Amino acid sequence: MEAAYDDIAEWYENEFLKLQRSMADDHEFADRIGVDQALVELLGEGSGICLEVGCGTGIYADRVASLGWTPVGIDISSGMLGFAKDRLAVAHSDGCELPFATDSVPAVISVMTHTDAPDYPQMLREMTRVLKPGGVLVHVGVHPCFCGSFADRTDAPNVTVRPGYLESGWTPAKGPEAGTLGQNGQVRDKVGAGHFALADLLNLFPKNGLTVDRLFEGFEPTPITLSVRATSKVATATER
């Protein structure tokens, strides 16, 4: 996905994110689809490093810092990191091979990335690996039930779900210039998207030894985002 996001980094930063944030309903949260609210409610206040895997242009660093954490980001796109480096400490890295030691960070977040990653299960394994025992992982992503190639959102607020929801896989991009600013799916038109059915996605967390603590759905009346807070296992005395 590096080349795809390198090609659209400037558009993503200066047009897409600006539009998304201009549509916020109030001044409490920066967007109306639940991303910013999920970070506040699921990540919460804390201290130490909060690693954002797939940080993009680093737009969420200010929110993470406002909660007391020290934001650090990695991304595979050097174009996106060109914007992110002014917002947080960054490293150019593949999310499936994180340059962090096992059990080394207290918090990890993944924001709107599971549909971008060619192998999100492996990325989640890596995020779990670097978490300290008892650490928190927050996944924020598009809602698998209502967003995807099977979901027609053109007649808002109605959503028509066609066959295909249960089929995990990848929808190719239509091309870097496809899509019109402001239309649903505009980013996906440019870079493509992966899809997991809800059960497949949620089952990844316990499969990797994580305990799901809380779920959050963003946007009304039909959610656009689904967020998950999970914690890593604390070793018992016999396991130490």
C-alpha atoms as a PDB file:
ATOM      1  CA  MET A   1       0.000   0.000   0.000  1.00  0.00           C
ATOM      2  CA  GLU A   2       2.987   2.342   0.161  1.00  0.00           C
ATOM      3  CA  ALA A   3       2.815   3.583  -3.428  1.00  0.00           C
ATOM      4  CA  ALA A   4      -0.949   4.103  -3.283  1.00  0.00           C
ATOM      5  CA  TYR A   5      -0.833   6.352  -0.225  1.00  0.00           C
ATOM      6  CA  ASP A   6       2.312   8.118  -1.402  1.00  0.00           C
ATOM      7  CA  ASP A   7       0.366   9.189  -4.476  1.00  0.00           C
ATOM      8  CA  ILE A   8      -2.532  10.670  -2.481  1.00  0.00           C
ATOM      9  CA  ALA A   9      -0.788  11.920   0.681  1.00  0.00           C
ATOM     10  CA  GLU A  10      -1.159  15.619  -0.110  1.00  0.00           C
ATOM     11  CA  TRP A  11      -4.814  15.208  -1.133  1.00  0.00           C
ATOM     12  CA  TYR A  12      -5.504  13.134   1.985  1.00  0.00           C
ATOM     13  CA  GLU A  13      -3.970  15.728   4.309  1.00  0.00           C
ATOM     14  CA  ASN A  14      -5.169  18.946   2.691  1.00  0.00           C
ATOM     15  CA  GLU A  15      -8.554  17.981   1.290  1.00  0.00           C
ATOM     16  CA  PHE A  16      -9.977  14.730   2.689  1.00  0.00           C
ATOM     17  CA  LEU A  17      -9.088  15.250   6.361  1.00  0.00           C
ATOM     18  CA  LYS A  18      -9.981  18.927   6.217  1.00  0.00           C
ATOM     19  CA  LEU A  19     -13.426  18.074   4.870  1.00  0.00           C
ATOM     20  CA  GLN A  20     -13.929  15.271   7.403  1.00  0.00           C
ATOM     21  CA  ARG A  21     -13.109  17.555  10.311  1.00  0.00           C
ATOM     22  CA  SER A  22     -15.141  20.474   8.998  1.00  0.00           C
ATOM     23  CA  MET A  23     -18.257  18.299   9.283  1.00  0.00           C
ATOM     24  CA  ALA A  24     -17.938  17.707  13.034  1.00  0.00           C
ATOM     25  CA  ASP A  25     -21.237  18.225  14.852  1.00  0.00           C
ATOM     26  CA  ASP A  26     -19.768  20.114  17.795  1.00  0.00           C
ATOM     27  CA  HIS A  27     -16.504  21.360  19.222  1.00  0.00           C
ATOM     28  CA  GLU A  28     -15.973  18.449  21.616  1.00  0.00           C
ATOM     29  CA  PHE A  29     -14.797  15.960  19.015  1.00  0.00           C
ATOM     30  CA  ALA A  30     -12.908  16.592  15.773  1.00  0.00           C
ATOM     31  CA  ASP A  31     -15.045  14.434  13.476  1.00  0.00           C
ATOM     32  CA  ARG A  32     -18.613  13.168  13.302  1.00  0.00           C
ATOM     33  CA  ILE A  33     -17.901   9.501  12.461  1.00  0.00           C
ATOM     34  CA  GLY A  34     -16.649   8.576  15.923  1.00  0.00           C
ATOM     35  CA  VAL A  35     -12.883   8.326  15.450  1.00  0.00           C
ATOM     36  CA  ASP A  36     -11.935  11.112  17.845  1.00  0.00           C
ATOM     37  CA  GLN A  37     -14.617  10.118  20.338  1.00  0.00           C
ATOM     38  CA  ALA A  38     -13.436   6.502  20.307  1.00  0.00           C
ATOM     39  CA  LEU A  39      -9.911   7.572  21.232  1.00  0.00           C
ATOM     40  CA  VAL A  40     -11.230   9.643  24.135  1.00  0.00           C
ATOM     41  CA  GLU A  41     -13.553   6.957  25.465  1.00  0.00           C
ATOM     42  CA  LEU A  42     -11.586   3.780  24.707  1.00  0.00           C
ATOM     43  CA  LEU A  43      -7.937   4.826  24.971  1.00  0.00           C
ATOM     44  CA  GLY A  44      -8.578   7.281  27.774  1.00  0.00           C
ATOM     45  CA  GLU A  45      -5.972   9.012  29.877  1.00  0.00           C
ATOM     46  CA  GLY A  46      -2.599   7.442  30.498  1.00  0.00           C
ATOM     47  CA  SER A  47       1.139   7.943  30.352  1.00  0.00           C
ATOM     48  CA  GLY A  48       4.075   6.545  28.442  1.00  0.00           C
ATOM     49  CA  ILE A  49       4.353   5.698  24.770  1.00  0.00           C
ATOM     50  CA  CYS A  50       1.212   5.205  22.724  1.00  0.00           C
ATOM     51  CA  LEU A  51       2.257   3.608  19.446  1.00  0.00           C
ATOM     52  CA  GLU A  52       0.052   4.351  16.458  1.00  0.00           C
ATOM     53  CA  VAL A  53       0.470   1.665  13.807  1.00  0.00           C
ATOM     54  CA  GLY A  54      -0.372   3.105  10.424  1.00  0.00           C
ATOM     55  CA  CYS A  55      -0.292   6.699  11.662  1.00  0.00           C
ATOM     56  CA  GLY A  56      -0.763   8.250   8.228  1.00  0.00           C
ATOM     57  CA  THR A  57      -0.266  11.998   8.439  1.00  0.00           C
ATOM     58  CA  GLY A  58      -0.367  11.915  12.242  1.00  0.00           C
ATOM     59  CA  ILE A  59      -3.650  13.765  12.528  1.00  0.00           C
ATOM     60  CA  TYR A  60      -4.610  11.974  15.774  1.00  0.00           C
ATOM     61  CA  ALA A  61      -1.362  12.753  17.617  1.00  0.00           C
ATOM     62  CA  ASP A  62      -2.754  15.883  19.286  1.00  0.00           C
ATOM     63  CA  ARG A  63      -5.686  13.950  20.744  1.00  0.00           C
ATOM     64  CA  VAL A  64      -3.411  11.171  22.029  1.00  0.00           C
ATOM     65  CA  ALA A  65      -1.101  13.750  23.606  1.00  0.00           C
ATOM     66  CA  SER A  66      -4.051  15.572  25.196  1.00  0.00           C
ATOM     67  CA  LEU A  67      -4.868  12.335  27.030  1.00  0.00           C
ATOM     68  CA  GLY A  68      -1.406  12.299  28.608  1.00  0.00           C
ATOM     69  CA  TRP A  69       0.273   9.790  26.305  1.00  0.00           C
ATOM     70  CA  THR A  70       3.445  10.291  24.278  1.00  0.00           C
ATOM     71  CA  PRO A  71       2.433   9.598  20.663  1.00  0.00           C
ATOM     72  CA  VAL A  72       4.817   7.654  18.428  1.00  0.00           C
ATOM     73  CA  GLY A  73       3.842   6.569  14.927  1.00  0.00           C
ATOM     74  CA  ILE A  74       4.918   4.151  12.233  1.00  0.00           C
ATOM     75  CA  ASP A  75       3.704   3.970   8.660  1.00  0.00           C
ATOM     76  CA  ILE A  76       4.784   2.282   5.458  1.00  0.00           C
ATOM     77  CA  SER A  77       4.078   5.382   3.367  1.00  0.00           C
ATOM     78  CA  SER A  78       6.910   7.910   3.280  1.00  0.00           C
ATOM     79  CA  GLY A  79       4.536  10.396   1.669  1.00  0.00           C
ATOM     80  CA  MET A  80       2.174  10.261   4.635  1.00  0.00           C
ATOM     81  CA  LEU A  81       5.077  10.450   7.092  1.00  0.00           C
ATOM     82  CA  GLY A  82       6.219  13.659   5.405  1.00  0.00           C
ATOM     83  CA  PHE A  83       3.213  15.313   7.061  1.00  0.00           C
ATOM     84  CA  ALA A  84       3.260  13.224  10.249  1.00  0.00           C
ATOM     85  CA  LYS A  85       6.835  14.040  11.272  1.00  0.00           C
ATOM     86  CA  ASP A  86       5.831  17.526  12.383  1.00  0.00           C
ATOM     87  CA  ARG A  87       3.163  16.100  14.711  1.00  0.00           C
ATOM     88  CA  LEU A  88       4.862  13.156  16.446  1.00  0.00           C
ATOM     89  CA  ALA A  89       7.964  11.005  16.493  1.00  0.00           C
ATOM     90  CA  VAL A  90       7.761   8.636  13.512  1.00  0.00           C
ATOM     91  CA  ALA A  91       9.507   5.697  11.879  1.00  0.00           C
ATOM     92  CA  HIS A  92       9.141   4.318   8.376  1.00  0.00           C
ATOM     93  CA  SER A  93       8.160   0.701   8.960  1.00  0.00           C
ATOM     94  CA  ASP A  94       5.843  -2.119   7.984  1.00  0.00           C
ATOM     95  CA  GLY A  95       3.119  -2.703  10.563  1.00  0.00           C
ATOM     96  CA  CYS A  96       3.619  -6.443  10.151  1.00  0.00           C
ATOM     97  CA  GLU A  97       7.226  -6.152  11.411  1.00  0.00           C
ATOM     98  CA  LEU A  98       7.230  -3.541  14.157  1.00  0.00           C
ATOM     99  CA  PRO A  99      10.645  -2.176  15.193  1.00  0.00           C
ATOM    100  CA  PHE A 100       9.829  -2.483  18.913  1.00  0.00           C
ATOM    101  CA  ALA A 101      10.792  -5.043  21.510  1.00  0.00           C
ATOM    102  CA  THR A 102       8.292  -7.547  22.881  1.00  0.00           C
ATOM    103  CA  ASP A 103       6.338  -6.269  25.918  1.00  0.00           C
ATOM    104  CA  SER A 104       7.725  -2.757  25.482  1.00  0.00           C
ATOM    105  CA  VAL A 105       4.863  -0.258  25.112  1.00  0.00           C
ATOM    106  CA  PRO A 106       1.819   0.360  27.336  1.00  0.00           C
ATOM    107  CA  ALA A 107      -0.616   1.346  24.572  1.00  0.00           C
ATOM    108  CA  VAL A 108      -1.089   0.728  20.856  1.00  0.00           C
ATOM    109  CA  ILE A 109      -3.704   2.203  18.551  1.00  0.00           C
ATOM    110  CA  SER A 110      -4.685   1.370  14.997  1.00  0.00           C
ATOM    111  CA  VAL A 111      -6.913   4.005  13.407  1.00  0.00           C
ATOM    112  CA  MET A 112      -8.718   3.315  10.135  1.00  0.00           C
ATOM    113  CA  THR A 113      -6.038   0.879   8.983  1.00  0.00           C
ATOM    114  CA  HIS A 114      -7.485  -2.643   9.031  1.00  0.00           C
ATOM    115  CA  THR A 115      -9.064  -2.071   5.607  1.00  0.00           C
ATOM    116  CA  ASP A 116      -5.691  -0.884   4.268  1.00  0.00           C
ATOM    117  CA  ALA A 117      -3.429  -3.641   5.549  1.00  0.00           C
ATOM    118  CA  PRO A 118      -2.793  -6.566   3.195  1.00  0.00           C
ATOM    119  CA  ASP A 119      -2.438  -8.792   6.300  1.00  0.00           C
ATOM    120  CA  TYR A 120      -4.250  -7.257   9.257  1.00  0.00           C
ATOM    121  CA  PRO A 121      -4.172 -10.485  11.311  1.00  0.00           C
ATOM    122  CA  GLN A 122      -0.369 -10.365  11.216  1.00  0.00           C
ATOM    123  CA  MET A 123      -0.416  -6.649  12.061  1.00  0.00           C
ATOM    124  CA  LEU A 124      -2.617  -7.365  15.066  1.00  0.00           C
ATOM    125  CA  ARG A 125      -0.231 -10.124  16.177  1.00  0.00           C
ATOM    126  CA  GLU A 126       2.628  -7.634  16.038  1.00  0.00           C
ATOM    127  CA  MET A 127       0.681  -4.997  17.950  1.00  0.00           C
ATOM    128  CA  THR A 128      -0.105  -7.574  20.619  1.00  0.00           C
ATOM    129  CA  ARG A 129       3.534  -8.701  20.762  1.00  0.00           C
ATOM    130  CA  VAL A 130       4.879  -5.240  21.586  1.00  0.00           C
ATOM    131  CA  LEU A 131       2.225  -4.506  24.237  1.00  0.00           C
ATOM    132  CA  LYS A 132       3.256  -4.683  27.868  1.00  0.00           C
ATOM    133  CA  PRO A 133       1.267  -7.164  29.973  1.00  0.00           C
ATOM    134  CA  GLY A 134      -1.970  -5.428  30.871  1.00  0.00           C
ATOM    135  CA  GLY A 135      -1.441  -2.887  28.098  1.00  0.00           C
ATOM    136  CA  VAL A 136      -4.310  -1.451  26.085  1.00  0.00           C
ATOM    137  CA  LEU A 137      -4.923  -1.823  22.361  1.00  0.00           C
ATOM    138  CA  VAL A 138      -7.503   0.328  20.601  1.00  0.00           C
ATOM    139  CA  HIS A 139      -8.695  -0.607  17.123  1.00  0.00           C
ATOM    140  CA  VAL A 140     -10.700   2.070  15.292  1.00  0.00           C
ATOM    141  CA  GLY A 141     -11.981   1.118  11.864  1.00  0.00           C
ATOM    142  CA  VAL A 142     -14.814   1.306   9.388  1.00  0.00           C
ATOM    143  CA  HIS A 143     -17.833  -0.698  10.479  1.00  0.00           C
ATOM    144  CA  PRO A 144     -17.634  -4.130   8.809  1.00  0.00           C
ATOM    145  CA  CYS A 145     -21.427  -4.503   8.665  1.00  0.00           C
ATOM    146  CA  PHE A 146     -22.226  -1.207   6.965  1.00  0.00           C
ATOM    147  CA  CYS A 147     -19.127  -0.196   4.982  1.00  0.00           C
ATOM    148  CA  GLY A 148     -17.632  -2.085   2.052  1.00  0.00           C
ATOM    149  CA  SER A 149     -18.166  -2.911  -1.593  1.00  0.00           C
ATOM    150  CA  PHE A 150     -21.415  -4.668  -0.588  1.00  0.00           C
ATOM    151  CA  ALA A 151     -22.864  -1.563   1.139  1.00  0.00           C
ATOM    152  CA  ASP A 152     -24.565   1.184  -0.868  1.00  0.00           C
ATOM    153  CA  ARG A 153     -24.664   4.405   1.171  1.00  0.00           C
ATOM    154  CA  THR A 154     -25.597   6.747  -1.696  1.00  0.00           C
ATOM    155  CA  ASP A 155     -29.174   7.143  -0.450  1.00  0.00           C
ATOM    156  CA  ALA A 156     -28.255   8.454   3.003  1.00  0.00           C
ATOM    157  CA  PRO A 157     -29.334   7.895   5.702  1.00  0.00           C
ATOM    158  CA  ASN A 158     -30.431   4.557   4.242  1.00  0.00           C
ATOM    159  CA  VAL A 159     -27.860   1.810   3.686  1.00  0.00           C
ATOM    160  CA  THR A 160     -28.532  -1.070   1.326  1.00  0.00           C
ATOM    161  CA  VAL A 161     -26.497  -4.199   2.073  1.00  0.00           C
ATOM    162  CA  ARG A 162     -26.095  -6.484  -0.909  1.00  0.00           C
ATOM    163  CA  PRO A 163     -24.665 -10.030  -0.981  1.00  0.00           C
ATOM    164  CA  GLY A 164     -20.940 -10.099  -0.267  1.00  0.00           C
ATOM    165  CA  TYR A 165     -20.767  -9.101   3.389  1.00  0.00           C
ATOM    166  CA  LEU A 166     -19.654 -12.586   4.485  1.00  0.00           C
ATOM    167  CA  GLU A 167     -16.884 -12.728   1.876  1.00  0.00           C
ATOM    168  CA  SER A 168     -13.582 -11.531   3.320  1.00  0.00           C
ATOM    169  CA  GLY A 169     -11.177 -10.215   0.732  1.00  0.00           C
ATOM    170  CA  TRP A 170      -9.803  -7.229  -1.151  1.00  0.00           C
ATOM    171  CA  THR A 171     -11.623  -4.762  -3.405  1.00  0.00           C
ATOM    172  CA  PRO A 172      -9.174  -3.209  -5.898  1.00  0.00           C
ATOM    173  CA  ALA A 173      -8.914   0.539  -6.389  1.00  0.00           C
ATOM    174  CA  LYS A 174     -10.587   2.114  -9.384  1.00  0.00           C
ATOM    175  CA  GLY A 175      -7.511   4.285  -9.882  1.00  0.00           C
ATOM    176  CA  PRO A 176      -5.662   7.196  -8.207  1.00  0.00           C
ATOM    177  CA  GLU A 177      -7.932   9.787  -9.827  1.00  0.00           C
ATOM    178  CA  ALA A 178     -11.226   7.970  -9.243  1.00  0.00           C
ATOM    179  CA  GLY A 179     -13.788   9.343  -6.842  1.00  0.00           C
ATOM    180  CA  THR A 180     -15.032  12.856  -6.250  1.00  0.00           C
ATOM    181  CA  LEU A 181     -14.268  14.834  -3.109  1.00  0.00           C
ATOM    182  CA  GLY A 182     -17.123  14.475  -0.664  1.00  0.00           C
ATOM    183  CA  GLN A 183     -18.522  11.209  -2.006  1.00  0.00           C
ATOM    184  CA  ASN A 184     -18.667   8.128   0.204  1.00  0.00           C
ATOM    185  CA  GLY A 185     -15.838   5.714  -0.505  1.00  0.00           C
ATOM    186  CA  GLN A 186     -13.575   8.326  -2.043  1.00  0.00           C
ATOM    187  CA  VAL A 187     -10.411   7.038  -0.359  1.00  0.00           C
ATOM    188  CA  ARG A 188     -11.295   3.440  -1.225  1.00  0.00           C
ATOM    189  CA  ASP A 189     -11.780   4.399  -4.853  1.00  0.00           C
ATOM    190  CA  LYS A 190      -8.171   5.524  -4.848  1.00  0.00           C
ATOM    191  CA  VAL A 191      -6.402   2.810  -2.829  1.00  0.00           C
ATOM    192  CA  GLY A 192      -8.751  -0.180  -2.588  1.00  0.00           C
ATOM    193  CA  ALA A 193      -9.920  -1.836   0.620  1.00  0.00           C
ATOM    194  CA  GLY A 194      -9.872  -5.075   2.559  1.00  0.00           C
ATOM    195  CA  HIS A 195     -12.896  -6.495   4.339  1.00  0.00           C
ATOM    196  CA  PHE A 196     -13.555  -8.766   7.317  1.00  0.00           C
ATOM    197  CA  ALA A 197     -17.019  -9.820   8.431  1.00  0.00           C
ATOM    198  CA  LEU A 198     -17.778  -8.740  11.996  1.00  0.00           C
ATOM    199  CA  ALA A 199     -17.225 -12.180  13.547  1.00  0.00           C
ATOM    200  CA  ASP A 200     -13.949 -12.664  11.662  1.00  0.00           C
ATOM    201  CA  LEU A 201     -12.667  -9.293  12.847  1.00  0.00           C
ATOM    202  CA  LEU A 202     -13.695  -9.625  16.499  1.00  0.00           C
ATOM    203  CA  ASN A 203     -12.383 -13.182  16.745  1.00  0.00           C
ATOM    204  CA  LEU A 204      -8.884 -11.910  15.945  1.00  0.00           C
ATOM    205  CA  PHE A 205      -8.621 -10.322  19.405  1.00  0.00           C
ATOM    206  CA  PRO A 206      -9.105 -13.381  21.659  1.00  0.00           C
ATOM    207  CA  LYS A 207      -7.175 -15.452  19.132  1.00  0.00           C
ATOM    208  CA  ASN A 208      -4.157 -13.274  19.935  1.00  0.00           C
ATOM    209  CA  GLY A 209      -4.638 -13.473  23.692  1.00  0.00           C
ATOM    210  CA  LEU A 210      -6.416 -10.138  24.046  1.00  0.00           C
ATOM    211  CA  THR A 211      -9.469  -9.517  26.184  1.00  0.00           C
ATOM    212  CA  VAL A 212     -12.109  -7.324  24.563  1.00  0.00           C
ATOM    213  CA  ASP A 213     -13.232  -4.781  27.162  1.00  0.00           C
ATOM    214  CA  ARG A 214     -15.518  -2.475  25.250  1.00  0.00           C
ATOM    215  CA  LEU A 215     -16.971  -1.698  21.815  1.00  0.00           C
ATOM    216  CA  PHE A 216     -18.026   1.651  20.363  1.00  0.00           C
ATOM    217  CA  GLU A 217     -20.018   2.480  17.222  1.00  0.00           C
ATOM    218  CA  GLY A 218     -19.732   5.922  15.629  1.00  0.00           C
ATOM    219  CA  PHE A 219     -22.158   7.945  13.499  1.00  0.00           C
ATOM    220  CA  GLU A 220     -25.949   7.904  13.299  1.00  0.00           C
ATOM    221  CA  PRO A 221     -28.373   6.498  12.300  1.00  0.00           C
ATOM    222  CA  THR A 222     -26.260   3.755  10.686  1.00  0.00           C
ATOM    223  CA  PRO A 223     -22.732   3.465  12.103  1.00  0.00           C
ATOM    224  CA  ILE A 224     -19.712   4.180   9.932  1.00  0.00           C
ATOM    225  CA  THR A 225     -17.070   3.188  12.488  1.00  0.00           C
ATOM    226  CA  LEU A 226     -16.612   0.314  14.908  1.00  0.00           C
ATOM    227  CA  SER A 227     -13.985   0.616  17.628  1.00  0.00           C
ATOM    228  CA  VAL A 228     -12.618  -1.997  20.014  1.00  0.00           C
ATOM    229  CA  ARG A 229     -10.726  -1.633  23.295  1.00  0.00           C
ATOM    230  CA  ALA A 230      -8.785  -4.740  24.275  1.00  0.00           C
ATOM    231  CA  THR A 231      -6.156  -5.476  26.909  1.00  0.00           C
ATOM    232  CA  SER A 232      -3.231  -7.856  26.844  1.00  0.00           C
ATOM    233  CA  LYS A 233      -2.956 -10.708  29.296  1.00  0.00           C
ATOM    234  CA  VAL A 234      -1.114 -10.202  32.565  1.00  0.00           C
ATOM    235  CA  ALA A 235       1.112 -13.177  33.325  1.00  0.00           C
ATOM    236  CA  THR A 236       0.203 -15.189  36.412  1.00  0.00           C
ATOM    237  CA  ALA A 237       2.795 -16.175  39.022  1.00  0.00           C
ATOM    238  CA  THR A 238       3.084 -19.656  37.523  1.00  0.00           C
ATOM    239  CA  GLU A 239       3.659 -18.232  34.038  1.00  0.00           C
ATOM    240  CA  ARG A 240       6.435 -15.840  35.062  1.00  0.00           C
END
